Amino acid sequence: MDINAMIKRINELAHKKKNTGLTPEELAEQQELYKLYLGNIRGQLKSQLDNITVVDEPPVKH
């Protein structure tokens, strides 16, 4: 599932949860989607942090 479809479905489930409540199946789906979404975000952040290069040395304190 691509990220945009995942976000759309997460939002649909959140809206339904707020208004009418979720079935146990929908609640399980929502939890799984949150898990996948957060894993995706963490992976992107880790990738960005792994590619950071320090250009200047920090100043020396006396």
N, C-alpha and C. Protein backbone atom coordinates (compact mmCIF):
# COMPACT_ATOMS: atom_id res chain seq x y z
N MET A 1 0.87 -1.18 0.00
CA MET A 1 0.00 0.00 0.00
C MET A 1 0.90 1.23 0.00
N ASP A 2 0.62 2.16 -0.90
CA ASP A 2 1.45 3.36 -0.93
C ASP A 2 1.08 4.28 0.23
N ILE A 3 1.96 5.20 0.54
CA ILE A 3 1.82 6.04 1.73
C ILE A 3 0.56 6.92 1.68
N ASN A 4 0.22 7.43 0.51
CA ASN A 4 -0.97 8.28 0.40
C ASN A 4 -2.25 7.50 0.67
N ALA A 5 -2.33 6.29 0.15
CA ALA A 5 -3.50 5.44 0.40
C ALA A 5 -3.56 5.06 1.88
N MET A 6 -2.39 4.82 2.47
CA MET A 6 -2.34 4.47 3.88
C MET A 6 -2.84 5.62 4.75
N ILE A 7 -2.39 6.83 4.46
CA ILE A 7 -2.83 8.00 5.22
C ILE A 7 -4.32 8.23 5.04
N LYS A 8 -4.81 8.05 3.82
CA LYS A 8 -6.24 8.22 3.57
C LYS A 8 -7.06 7.23 4.40
N ARG A 9 -6.63 5.98 4.43
CA ARG A 9 -7.36 4.96 5.20
C ARG A 9 -7.26 5.22 6.70
N ILE A 10 -6.09 5.65 7.18
CA ILE A 10 -5.93 5.99 8.60
C ILE A 10 -6.91 7.10 8.96
N ASN A 11 -7.01 8.10 8.11
CA ASN A 11 -7.92 9.22 8.38
C ASN A 11 -9.38 8.78 8.34
N GLU A 12 -9.73 7.91 7.42
CA GLU A 12 -11.10 7.39 7.35
C GLU A 12 -11.46 6.65 8.64
N LEU A 13 -10.55 5.81 9.10
CA LEU A 13 -10.81 5.05 10.32
C LEU A 13 -10.86 5.96 11.55
N ALA A 14 -10.01 6.97 11.59
CA ALA A 14 -10.01 7.90 12.72
C ALA A 14 -11.33 8.67 12.76
N HIS A 15 -11.81 9.09 11.60
CA HIS A 15 -13.08 9.81 11.52
C HIS A 15 -14.24 8.92 11.97
N LYS A 16 -14.24 7.68 11.50
CA LYS A 16 -15.30 6.75 11.87
C LYS A 16 -15.25 6.44 13.37
N LYS A 17 -14.04 6.28 13.90
CA LYS A 17 -13.88 5.99 15.33
C LYS A 17 -14.47 7.12 16.16
N LYS A 18 -14.24 8.34 15.72
CA LYS A 18 -14.73 9.51 16.44
C LYS A 18 -16.26 9.61 16.39
N ASN A 19 -16.84 9.24 15.26
CA ASN A 19 -18.27 9.42 15.06
C ASN A 19 -19.12 8.23 15.50
N THR A 20 -18.77 7.03 15.06
CA THR A 20 -19.63 5.88 15.32
C THR A 20 -18.93 4.72 16.02
N GLY A 21 -17.63 4.78 16.11
CA GLY A 21 -16.88 3.68 16.69
C GLY A 21 -16.44 2.69 15.64
N LEU A 22 -15.47 1.86 16.00
CA LEU A 22 -14.91 0.88 15.07
C LEU A 22 -15.25 -0.53 15.51
N THR A 23 -15.36 -1.40 14.52
CA THR A 23 -15.51 -2.82 14.81
C THR A 23 -14.15 -3.36 15.26
N PRO A 24 -14.12 -4.51 15.89
CA PRO A 24 -12.81 -5.09 16.27
C PRO A 24 -11.87 -5.27 15.08
N GLU A 25 -12.43 -5.62 13.92
CA GLU A 25 -11.60 -5.79 12.71
C GLU A 25 -11.01 -4.45 12.27
N GLU A 26 -11.84 -3.41 12.31
CA GLU A 26 -11.37 -2.08 11.91
C GLU A 26 -10.33 -1.55 12.90
N LEU A 27 -10.53 -1.83 14.17
CA LEU A 27 -9.57 -1.41 15.19
C LEU A 27 -8.22 -2.09 14.96
N ALA A 28 -8.25 -3.38 14.64
CA ALA A 28 -7.02 -4.12 14.35
C ALA A 28 -6.35 -3.55 13.09
N GLU A 29 -7.15 -3.23 12.07
CA GLU A 29 -6.62 -2.64 10.84
C GLU A 29 -5.97 -1.30 11.14
N GLN A 30 -6.64 -0.49 11.96
CA GLN A 30 -6.11 0.83 12.31
C GLN A 30 -4.77 0.70 13.04
N GLN A 31 -4.69 -0.21 13.97
CA GLN A 31 -3.43 -0.42 14.71
C GLN A 31 -2.32 -0.87 13.78
N GLU A 32 -2.63 -1.76 12.85
CA GLU A 32 -1.63 -2.24 11.89
C GLU A 32 -1.17 -1.11 10.96
N LEU A 33 -2.12 -0.28 10.52
CA LEU A 33 -1.76 0.85 9.66
C LEU A 33 -0.88 1.85 10.40
N TYR A 34 -1.20 2.13 11.67
CA TYR A 34 -0.36 3.02 12.47
C TYR A 34 1.06 2.46 12.58
N LYS A 35 1.14 1.16 12.82
CA LYS A 35 2.44 0.50 12.95
C LYS A 35 3.26 0.63 11.66
N LEU A 36 2.62 0.36 10.53
CA LEU A 36 3.30 0.48 9.23
C LEU A 36 3.70 1.91 8.93
N TYR A 37 2.80 2.85 9.21
CA TYR A 37 3.06 4.26 8.94
C TYR A 37 4.23 4.76 9.78
N LEU A 38 4.21 4.46 11.08
CA LEU A 38 5.30 4.90 11.94
C LEU A 38 6.62 4.24 11.56
N GLY A 39 6.58 2.98 11.16
CA GLY A 39 7.78 2.31 10.69
C GLY A 39 8.35 2.99 9.45
N ASN A 40 7.46 3.41 8.56
CA ASN A 40 7.88 4.13 7.35
C ASN A 40 8.54 5.46 7.71
N ILE A 41 7.92 6.22 8.62
CA ILE A 41 8.46 7.51 9.03
C ILE A 41 9.82 7.32 9.71
N ARG A 42 9.90 6.34 10.60
CA ARG A 42 11.18 6.08 11.29
C ARG A 42 12.27 5.69 10.29
N GLY A 43 11.91 4.90 9.29
CA GLY A 43 12.89 4.50 8.27
C GLY A 43 13.38 5.69 7.46
N GLN A 44 12.48 6.60 7.12
CA GLN A 44 12.88 7.80 6.38
C GLN A 44 13.81 8.67 7.22
N LEU A 45 13.47 8.85 8.49
CA LEU A 45 14.29 9.66 9.38
C LEU A 45 15.67 9.04 9.56
N LYS A 46 15.71 7.72 9.77
CA LYS A 46 16.99 7.04 9.93
C LYS A 46 17.84 7.19 8.68
N SER A 47 17.22 7.07 7.52
CA SER A 47 17.95 7.22 6.27
C SER A 47 18.54 8.62 6.15
N GLN A 48 17.76 9.62 6.51
CA GLN A 48 18.27 11.00 6.45
C GLN A 48 19.42 11.20 7.43
N LEU A 49 19.26 10.69 8.64
CA LEU A 49 20.31 10.86 9.64
C LEU A 49 21.58 10.10 9.26
N ASP A 50 21.42 8.94 8.64
CA ASP A 50 22.59 8.17 8.22
C ASP A 50 23.38 8.88 7.12
N ASN A 51 22.73 9.77 6.38
CA ASN A 51 23.39 10.46 5.27
C ASN A 51 23.90 11.85 5.63
N ILE A 52 23.85 12.23 6.90
CA ILE A 52 24.35 13.53 7.33
C ILE A 52 25.86 13.45 7.49
N THR A 53 26.55 14.45 6.97
CA THR A 53 27.99 14.52 7.09
C THR A 53 28.35 15.81 7.82
N VAL A 54 29.20 15.72 8.82
CA VAL A 54 29.66 16.90 9.55
C VAL A 54 30.68 17.61 8.69
N VAL A 55 30.45 18.91 8.45
CA VAL A 55 31.34 19.68 7.58
C VAL A 55 32.39 20.42 8.40
N ASP A 56 31.99 21.04 9.48
CA ASP A 56 32.91 21.80 10.32
C ASP A 56 33.11 21.07 11.64
N GLU A 57 34.33 21.16 12.15
CA GLU A 57 34.60 20.61 13.47
C GLU A 57 34.01 21.56 14.52
N PRO A 58 33.50 21.02 15.62
CA PRO A 58 32.97 21.91 16.66
C PRO A 58 34.10 22.69 17.31
N PRO A 59 33.82 23.89 17.81
CA PRO A 59 34.87 24.69 18.45
C PRO A 59 35.37 24.01 19.72
N VAL A 60 36.64 24.21 20.02
CA VAL A 60 37.26 23.62 21.20
C VAL A 60 37.03 24.55 22.37
N LYS A 61 36.52 24.00 23.49
CA LYS A 61 36.30 24.81 24.69
C LYS A 61 37.54 24.74 25.58
N HIS A 62 37.89 25.87 26.18
CA HIS A 62 39.04 25.92 27.09
C HIS A 62 38.60 25.96 28.50
